[in-house]
C-alpha cells in the first residue's frame, strides 16, 4: 500500500515524467486496474471487449432524470441503499461515501460522481430521497440518489454492476448486498468492487480513483502527442 501511494504521488506531481515512463511501458502495471465481468479477448489488449454497464434511466432526489448518458465522461461510484435502512452497516457506508465526497472537493464535482440506487423504491419516493440527501449533507452536484422501477433497478444491480443478490431478506423480493461499492471508469467498465463499510477498502477506492484520473490524463496527452 505504501509503495502504491508513493507511486501515485509521483505520478500526480510529475505528469510529464509520468508520460515518458508510461510511453515506454515502465509504469503501466501500476495504473492498470483490473476489469470486472466477462470479456471477449481480441488479438491484442486494445481489441479486448470488456463488460460495460448498460444503459439505464431513473429519477433523482430532485425528480430529474439520471441516466448512463448523464454520467458520460465521468468516473463514478455506485451503490445500493434504502432511506429506511438505519442499520449500523448502512450508516458506516454513508459515512465513508461522505469521506469520498469531501476528500477532493476541488476537483471531484467535475470528474467524480456518486450514485446511490434504491433497492426499495416502494418507499424511496423522490421526496424521501430528497429528505435523506439533506439529512446526510450530500453535495447534489456530485451525489445523486435515484429511484425507479424495481425490476429495472434489480436487473442493473445484478447484470450491470455485478452485485450479489440476497434472498430471504425482510423485503419480499430479492434485494442487494448493500455493502458493496462499485467503481466505474469513463468507458463504463467496472474497475473495482469494495466493502463500503471497511475503512481500508475505501482508502483503496480513493487510491484507485486517483489512478484512473492519472491514467485518463496521460492517455489524453498521449493522443495529443500522437496527433502533433
C-alpha atoms as a PDB file:
ATOM      1  CA  UNK A   1       0.000   0.000   0.000  1.00  0.00           C
ATOM      2  CA  UNK A   2       2.785   2.475   0.921  1.00  0.00           C
ATOM      3  CA  UNK A   3       4.548   1.772  -2.365  1.00  0.00           C
ATOM      4  CA  UNK A   4       1.321   2.315  -4.278  1.00  0.00           C
ATOM      5  CA  UNK A   5       0.722   5.666  -2.589  1.00  0.00           C
ATOM      6  CA  UNK A   6       4.287   6.837  -3.237  1.00  0.00           C
ATOM      7  CA  UNK A   7       3.959   5.911  -6.914  1.00  0.00           C
ATOM      8  CA  UNK A   8       0.607   7.692  -7.081  1.00  0.00           C
ATOM      9  CA  UNK A   9       2.002  10.897  -5.590  1.00  0.00           C
ATOM     10  CA  UNK A  10       4.871  10.751  -8.049  1.00  0.00           C
ATOM     11  CA  UNK A  11       2.514  10.306 -10.976  1.00  0.00           C
ATOM     12  CA  UNK A  12       0.233  13.145  -9.954  1.00  0.00           C
ATOM     13  CA  UNK A  13       3.068  15.501  -9.042  1.00  0.00           C
ATOM     14  CA  UNK A  14       5.192  14.897 -12.137  1.00  0.00           C
ATOM     15  CA  UNK A  15       2.752  14.222 -15.028  1.00  0.00           C
ATOM     16  CA  UNK A  16       5.308  14.969 -17.750  1.00  0.00           C
ATOM     17  CA  UNK A  17       7.745  12.418 -16.319  1.00  0.00           C
ATOM     18  CA  UNK A  18       4.826  10.028 -15.893  1.00  0.00           C
ATOM     19  CA  UNK A  19       4.041  10.382 -19.589  1.00  0.00           C
ATOM     20  CA  UNK A  20       7.584   9.498 -20.621  1.00  0.00           C
ATOM     21  CA  UNK A  21       7.600   6.462 -18.362  1.00  0.00           C
ATOM     22  CA  UNK A  22       4.170   5.341 -19.499  1.00  0.00           C
ATOM     23  CA  UNK A  23       5.088   5.630 -23.156  1.00  0.00           C
ATOM     24  CA  UNK A  24       7.967   3.241 -22.528  1.00  0.00           C
ATOM     25  CA  UNK A  25       5.724   0.861 -20.580  1.00  0.00           C
ATOM     26  CA  UNK A  26       7.776   1.020 -17.371  1.00  0.00           C
ATOM     27  CA  UNK A  27       4.943   2.043 -15.026  1.00  0.00           C
ATOM     28  CA  UNK A  28       1.905   0.776 -16.916  1.00  0.00           C
ATOM     29  CA  UNK A  29       1.373  -2.072 -14.468  1.00  0.00           C
ATOM     30  CA  UNK A  30       0.859   0.411 -11.624  1.00  0.00           C
ATOM     31  CA  UNK A  31      -2.151   2.086 -13.242  1.00  0.00           C
ATOM     32  CA  UNK A  32      -3.791  -0.862 -14.996  1.00  0.00           C
ATOM     33  CA  UNK A  33      -6.620  -1.619 -12.584  1.00  0.00           C
ATOM     34  CA  UNK A  34      -8.471  -4.895 -13.193  1.00  0.00           C
ATOM     35  CA  UNK A  35     -11.614  -5.149 -15.304  1.00  0.00           C
ATOM     36  CA  UNK A  36     -14.563  -6.984 -13.755  1.00  0.00           C
ATOM     37  CA  UNK A  37     -17.005  -9.225 -15.589  1.00  0.00           C
ATOM     38  CA  UNK A  38     -16.839 -11.366 -18.687  1.00  0.00           C
ATOM     39  CA  UNK A  39     -14.635 -10.217 -21.533  1.00  0.00           C
ATOM     40  CA  UNK A  40     -14.135 -11.115 -25.166  1.00  0.00           C
ATOM     41  CA  UNK A  41     -10.424 -11.443 -25.862  1.00  0.00           C
ATOM     42  CA  UNK A  42      -9.011  -9.881 -29.002  1.00  0.00           C
ATOM     43  CA  UNK A  43      -5.677 -10.318 -30.716  1.00  0.00           C
ATOM     44  CA  UNK A  44      -4.248  -7.523 -28.556  1.00  0.00           C
ATOM     45  CA  UNK A  45      -5.296  -5.959 -25.274  1.00  0.00           C
ATOM     46  CA  UNK A  46      -6.675  -2.950 -27.137  1.00  0.00           C
ATOM     47  CA  UNK A  47      -9.011  -5.267 -29.046  1.00  0.00           C
ATOM     48  CA  UNK A  48     -10.430  -6.869 -25.903  1.00  0.00           C
ATOM     49  CA  UNK A  49     -14.107  -6.113 -25.239  1.00  0.00           C
ATOM     50  CA  UNK A  50     -14.782  -5.711 -21.518  1.00  0.00           C
ATOM     51  CA  UNK A  51     -18.065  -5.857 -19.629  1.00  0.00           C
ATOM     52  CA  UNK A  52     -19.796  -2.463 -19.665  1.00  0.00           C
ATOM     53  CA  UNK A  53     -22.586  -1.077 -17.501  1.00  0.00           C
ATOM     54  CA  UNK A  54     -25.668  -0.995 -19.795  1.00  0.00           C
ATOM     55  CA  UNK A  55     -27.949   1.949 -20.483  1.00  0.00           C
ATOM     56  CA  UNK A  56     -30.312   2.967 -17.677  1.00  0.00           C
ATOM     57  CA  UNK A  57     -32.608   5.832 -16.726  1.00  0.00           C
ATOM     58  CA  UNK A  58     -34.115   6.668 -13.337  1.00  0.00           C
ATOM     59  CA  UNK A  59     -35.028   9.822 -11.375  1.00  0.00           C
ATOM     60  CA  UNK A  60     -33.071  11.509  -8.595  1.00  0.00           C
ATOM     61  CA  UNK A  61     -33.973  13.340  -5.404  1.00  0.00           C
ATOM     62  CA  UNK A  62     -34.990  16.414  -7.409  1.00  0.00           C
ATOM     63  CA  UNK A  63     -37.182  14.445  -9.803  1.00  0.00           C
ATOM     64  CA  UNK A  64     -34.646  14.867 -12.607  1.00  0.00           C
ATOM     65  CA  UNK A  65     -33.750  12.057 -14.982  1.00  0.00           C
ATOM     66  CA  UNK A  66     -30.409  10.404 -14.264  1.00  0.00           C
ATOM     67  CA  UNK A  67     -29.128   8.045 -16.922  1.00  0.00           C
ATOM     68  CA  UNK A  68     -25.951   6.491 -18.231  1.00  0.00           C
ATOM     69  CA  UNK A  69     -25.767   9.500 -20.564  1.00  0.00           C
ATOM     70  CA  UNK A  70     -25.731  11.844 -17.564  1.00  0.00           C
ATOM     71  CA  UNK A  71     -22.528  10.108 -16.492  1.00  0.00           C
ATOM     72  CA  UNK A  72     -20.768  10.221 -19.871  1.00  0.00           C
ATOM     73  CA  UNK A  73     -17.141  11.255 -19.410  1.00  0.00           C
ATOM     74  CA  UNK A  74     -17.321  10.752 -15.644  1.00  0.00           C
ATOM     75  CA  UNK A  75     -15.776   8.326 -13.207  1.00  0.00           C
ATOM     76  CA  UNK A  76     -18.445   7.252 -10.734  1.00  0.00           C
ATOM     77  CA  UNK A  77     -19.043   5.134  -7.671  1.00  0.00           C
ATOM     78  CA  UNK A  78     -22.343   3.235  -7.487  1.00  0.00           C
ATOM     79  CA  UNK A  79     -24.039   1.583  -4.526  1.00  0.00           C
ATOM     80  CA  UNK A  80     -27.471   0.359  -3.476  1.00  0.00           C
ATOM     81  CA  UNK A  81     -29.248   1.649  -0.374  1.00  0.00           C
ATOM     82  CA  UNK A  82     -32.621   2.477   1.126  1.00  0.00           C
ATOM     83  CA  UNK A  83     -33.766   5.549   3.025  1.00  0.00           C
ATOM     84  CA  UNK A  84     -35.398   3.234   5.568  1.00  0.00           C
ATOM     85  CA  UNK A  85     -32.220   1.283   6.342  1.00  0.00           C
ATOM     86  CA  UNK A  86     -30.969   2.558   9.685  1.00  0.00           C
ATOM     87  CA  UNK A  87     -28.545  -0.279  10.339  1.00  0.00           C
ATOM     88  CA  UNK A  88     -25.040   0.332  11.645  1.00  0.00           C
ATOM     89  CA  UNK A  89     -23.581  -1.014   8.392  1.00  0.00           C
ATOM     90  CA  UNK A  90     -25.652   1.401   6.298  1.00  0.00           C
ATOM     91  CA  UNK A  91     -24.583   4.345   8.445  1.00  0.00           C
ATOM     92  CA  UNK A  92     -20.925   3.329   8.083  1.00  0.00           C
ATOM     93  CA  UNK A  93     -21.260   3.190   4.301  1.00  0.00           C
ATOM     94  CA  UNK A  94     -22.858   6.627   4.126  1.00  0.00           C
ATOM     95  CA  UNK A  95     -20.093   7.996   6.365  1.00  0.00           C
ATOM     96  CA  UNK A  96     -17.454   6.518   4.058  1.00  0.00           C
ATOM     97  CA  UNK A  97     -19.196   7.898   0.961  1.00  0.00           C
ATOM     98  CA  UNK A  98     -19.203  11.317   2.617  1.00  0.00           C
ATOM     99  CA  UNK A  99     -15.470  10.902   3.076  1.00  0.00           C
ATOM    100  CA  UNK A 100     -15.130  10.176  -0.641  1.00  0.00           C
ATOM    101  CA  UNK A 101     -17.277  13.233  -1.392  1.00  0.00           C
ATOM    102  CA  UNK A 102     -15.191  15.525   0.784  1.00  0.00           C
ATOM    103  CA  UNK A 103     -11.766  14.070   0.020  1.00  0.00           C
ATOM    104  CA  UNK A 104     -11.018  16.161  -3.050  1.00  0.00           C
ATOM    105  CA  UNK A 105     -13.868  18.643  -3.353  1.00  0.00           C
ATOM    106  CA  UNK A 106     -11.774  20.928  -5.568  1.00  0.00           C
ATOM    107  CA  UNK A 107     -11.989  18.509  -8.494  1.00  0.00           C
ATOM    108  CA  UNK A 108     -14.490  15.849  -7.511  1.00  0.00           C
ATOM    109  CA  UNK A 109     -17.662  17.508  -8.824  1.00  0.00           C
ATOM    110  CA  UNK A 110     -16.125  17.832 -12.289  1.00  0.00           C
ATOM    111  CA  UNK A 111     -14.617  14.357 -12.512  1.00  0.00           C
ATOM    112  CA  UNK A 112     -16.169  12.085  -9.895  1.00  0.00           C
ATOM    113  CA  UNK A 113     -19.830  11.279  -9.297  1.00  0.00           C
ATOM    114  CA  UNK A 114     -21.539   9.200  -6.614  1.00  0.00           C
ATOM    115  CA  UNK A 115     -24.797   7.444  -7.471  1.00  0.00           C
ATOM    116  CA  UNK A 116     -26.849   5.675  -4.803  1.00  0.00           C
ATOM    117  CA  UNK A 117     -29.574   3.459  -6.274  1.00  0.00           C
ATOM    118  CA  UNK A 118     -32.591   2.492  -4.196  1.00  0.00           C
ATOM    119  CA  UNK A 119     -33.227  -1.221  -3.685  1.00  0.00           C
ATOM    120  CA  UNK A 120     -36.559  -0.364  -2.046  1.00  0.00           C
ATOM    121  CA  UNK A 121     -38.308   2.046  -4.459  1.00  0.00           C
ATOM    122  CA  UNK A 122     -41.720   1.218  -2.973  1.00  0.00           C
ATOM    123  CA  UNK A 123     -40.855   3.512  -0.056  1.00  0.00           C
ATOM    124  CA  UNK A 124     -37.968   5.506  -1.539  1.00  0.00           C
ATOM    125  CA  UNK A 125     -40.001   8.186  -3.312  1.00  0.00           C
ATOM    126  CA  UNK A 126     -38.461  11.348  -4.749  1.00  0.00           C
ATOM    127  CA  UNK A 127     -39.486  13.191  -1.610  1.00  0.00           C
ATOM    128  CA  UNK A 128     -37.946  10.546   0.630  1.00  0.00           C
ATOM    129  CA  UNK A 129     -34.704  10.695  -1.361  1.00  0.00           C
ATOM    130  CA  UNK A 130     -34.587  14.485  -1.027  1.00  0.00           C
ATOM    131  CA  UNK A 131     -35.088  14.338   2.726  1.00  0.00           C
ATOM    132  CA  UNK A 132     -32.415  11.656   3.027  1.00  0.00           C
ATOM    133  CA  UNK A 133     -29.966  13.612   0.872  1.00  0.00           C
ATOM    134  CA  UNK A 134     -30.437  16.679   3.054  1.00  0.00           C
ATOM    135  CA  UNK A 135     -30.098  14.612   6.229  1.00  0.00           C
ATOM    136  CA  UNK A 136     -26.700  13.185   5.257  1.00  0.00           C
ATOM    137  CA  UNK A 137     -25.483  16.536   3.834  1.00  0.00           C
ATOM    138  CA  UNK A 138     -24.842  15.174   0.346  1.00  0.00           C
ATOM    139  CA  UNK A 139     -23.438  17.507  -2.296  1.00  0.00           C
ATOM    140  CA  UNK A 140     -26.062  17.188  -5.036  1.00  0.00           C
ATOM    141  CA  UNK A 141     -23.606  18.448  -7.660  1.00  0.00           C
ATOM    142  CA  UNK A 142     -21.747  15.162  -7.384  1.00  0.00           C
ATOM    143  CA  UNK A 143     -24.014  12.779  -5.452  1.00  0.00           C
ATOM    144  CA  UNK A 144     -27.363  11.576  -6.814  1.00  0.00           C
ATOM    145  CA  UNK A 145     -29.868   9.347  -5.038  1.00  0.00           C
ATOM    146  CA  UNK A 146     -32.072   7.586  -7.570  1.00  0.00           C
ATOM    147  CA  UNK A 147     -35.239   5.521  -7.642  1.00  0.00           C
ATOM    148  CA  UNK A 148     -37.492   3.963 -10.263  1.00  0.00           C
ATOM    149  CA  UNK A 149     -38.879   0.641 -11.449  1.00  0.00           C
ATOM    150  CA  UNK A 150     -37.743  -2.103  -9.077  1.00  0.00           C
ATOM    151  CA  UNK A 151     -37.254  -4.758 -11.740  1.00  0.00           C
ATOM    152  CA  UNK A 152     -35.003  -2.432 -13.717  1.00  0.00           C
ATOM    153  CA  UNK A 153     -33.072  -1.453 -10.585  1.00  0.00           C
ATOM    154  CA  UNK A 154     -32.541  -5.089  -9.670  1.00  0.00           C
ATOM    155  CA  UNK A 155     -31.514  -6.078 -13.177  1.00  0.00           C
ATOM    156  CA  UNK A 156     -28.987  -3.237 -13.308  1.00  0.00           C
ATOM    157  CA  UNK A 157     -27.550  -4.313  -9.961  1.00  0.00           C
ATOM    158  CA  UNK A 158     -27.145  -7.943 -10.959  1.00  0.00           C
ATOM    159  CA  UNK A 159     -26.263  -7.758 -14.641  1.00  0.00           C
ATOM    160  CA  UNK A 160     -24.856  -4.237 -14.852  1.00  0.00           C
ATOM    161  CA  UNK A 161     -22.908  -3.657 -11.649  1.00  0.00           C
ATOM    162  CA  UNK A 162     -22.443  -7.394 -10.972  1.00  0.00           C
ATOM    163  CA  UNK A 163     -23.610  -7.047  -7.378  1.00  0.00           C
ATOM    164  CA  UNK A 164     -24.685 -10.035  -5.324  1.00  0.00           C
ATOM    165  CA  UNK A 165     -28.390 -10.712  -4.912  1.00  0.00           C
ATOM    166  CA  UNK A 166     -29.548 -11.812  -1.469  1.00  0.00           C
ATOM    167  CA  UNK A 167     -32.648 -13.968  -0.964  1.00  0.00           C
ATOM    168  CA  UNK A 168     -34.843 -14.477   2.059  1.00  0.00           C
ATOM    169  CA  UNK A 169     -34.428 -10.956   3.385  1.00  0.00           C
ATOM    170  CA  UNK A 170     -37.011  -8.878   5.211  1.00  0.00           C
ATOM    171  CA  UNK A 171     -38.018  -7.330   1.888  1.00  0.00           C
ATOM    172  CA  UNK A 172     -40.487  -9.513  -0.002  1.00  0.00           C
ATOM    173  CA  UNK A 173     -38.439  -9.732  -3.193  1.00  0.00           C
ATOM    174  CA  UNK A 174     -34.733 -10.215  -3.784  1.00  0.00           C
ATOM    175  CA  UNK A 175     -32.578  -7.366  -2.607  1.00  0.00           C
ATOM    176  CA  UNK A 176     -28.978  -6.257  -2.975  1.00  0.00           C
ATOM    177  CA  UNK A 177     -25.864  -6.929  -0.944  1.00  0.00           C
ATOM    178  CA  UNK A 178     -25.760  -3.289   0.100  1.00  0.00           C
ATOM    179  CA  UNK A 179     -22.238  -3.189   1.494  1.00  0.00           C
ATOM    180  CA  UNK A 180     -20.653  -3.167  -1.952  1.00  0.00           C
ATOM    181  CA  UNK A 181     -19.444  -0.050  -3.781  1.00  0.00           C
ATOM    182  CA  UNK A 182     -18.622  -0.244  -7.480  1.00  0.00           C
ATOM    183  CA  UNK A 183     -16.052   1.918  -9.282  1.00  0.00           C
ATOM    184  CA  UNK A 184     -16.868   2.612 -12.954  1.00  0.00           C
ATOM    185  CA  UNK A 185     -14.463   4.319 -15.339  1.00  0.00           C
ATOM    186  CA  UNK A 186     -15.249   6.812 -18.120  1.00  0.00           C
ATOM    187  CA  UNK A 187     -15.725   3.954 -20.590  1.00  0.00           C
ATOM    188  CA  UNK A 188     -18.411   2.425 -18.312  1.00  0.00           C
ATOM    189  CA  UNK A 189     -16.194  -0.523 -17.313  1.00  0.00           C
ATOM    190  CA  UNK A 190     -16.170  -1.820 -13.735  1.00  0.00           C
ATOM    191  CA  UNK A 191     -12.681  -1.327 -12.285  1.00  0.00           C
ATOM    192  CA  UNK A 192     -13.236  -2.137  -8.621  1.00  0.00           C
ATOM    193  CA  UNK A 193     -15.740  -3.537  -6.106  1.00  0.00           C
ATOM    194  CA  UNK A 194     -15.234  -2.612  -2.447  1.00  0.00           C
ATOM    195  CA  UNK A 195     -16.688  -3.237   1.003  1.00  0.00           C
ATOM    196  CA  UNK A 196     -18.270   0.136   1.746  1.00  0.00           C
ATOM    197  CA  UNK A 197     -18.069  -0.336   5.499  1.00  0.00           C
ATOM    198  CA  UNK A 198     -14.348  -1.093   5.533  1.00  0.00           C
ATOM    199  CA  UNK A 199     -12.080   1.942   6.002  1.00  0.00           C
ATOM    200  CA  UNK A 200      -9.077   0.238   4.385  1.00  0.00           C
ATOM    201  CA  UNK A 201     -11.101  -0.663   1.307  1.00  0.00           C
ATOM    202  CA  UNK A 202     -12.356   2.919   0.992  1.00  0.00           C
ATOM    203  CA  UNK A 203      -8.739   4.067   1.155  1.00  0.00           C
ATOM    204  CA  UNK A 204      -8.065   1.654  -1.714  1.00  0.00           C
ATOM    205  CA  UNK A 205     -11.063   3.101  -3.562  1.00  0.00           C
ATOM    206  CA  UNK A 206      -9.683   6.630  -3.174  1.00  0.00           C
ATOM    207  CA  UNK A 207      -6.287   5.490  -4.450  1.00  0.00           C
ATOM    208  CA  UNK A 208      -7.894   3.738  -7.415  1.00  0.00           C
ATOM    209  CA  UNK A 209      -9.962   6.807  -8.322  1.00  0.00           C
ATOM    210  CA  UNK A 210      -6.767   8.849  -8.463  1.00  0.00           C
ATOM    211  CA  UNK A 211      -5.113   6.137 -10.544  1.00  0.00           C
ATOM    212  CA  UNK A 212      -7.960   6.325 -13.088  1.00  0.00           C
ATOM    213  CA  UNK A 213      -7.731  10.112 -13.190  1.00  0.00           C
ATOM    214  CA  UNK A 214      -3.965   9.946 -13.716  1.00  0.00           C
ATOM    215  CA  UNK A 215      -4.356   7.308 -16.437  1.00  0.00           C
ATOM    216  CA  UNK A 216      -7.007   9.387 -18.243  1.00  0.00           C
ATOM    217  CA  UNK A 217      -4.768  12.446 -18.061  1.00  0.00           C
ATOM    218  CA  UNK A 218      -1.867  10.556 -19.574  1.00  0.00           C
ATOM    219  CA  UNK A 219      -3.965   8.913 -22.285  1.00  0.00           C
ATOM    220  CA  UNK A 220      -5.377  12.276 -23.335  1.00  0.00           C
ATOM    221  CA  UNK A 221      -1.907  13.794 -23.513  1.00  0.00           C
ATOM    222  CA  UNK A 222      -0.602  10.753 -25.371  1.00  0.00           C
ATOM    223  CA  UNK A 223      -3.315  11.187 -28.016  1.00  0.00           C
ATOM    224  CA  UNK A 224      -2.430  14.862 -28.366  1.00  0.00           C
ATOM    225  CA  UNK A 225       1.228  13.941 -28.726  1.00  0.00           C
ATOM    226  CA  UNK A 226       0.442  11.359 -31.426  1.00  0.00           C
ATOM    227  CA  UNK A 227      -1.644  13.890 -33.380  1.00  0.00           C
ATOM    228  CA  UNK A 228       1.059  16.541 -33.412  1.00  0.00           C
END
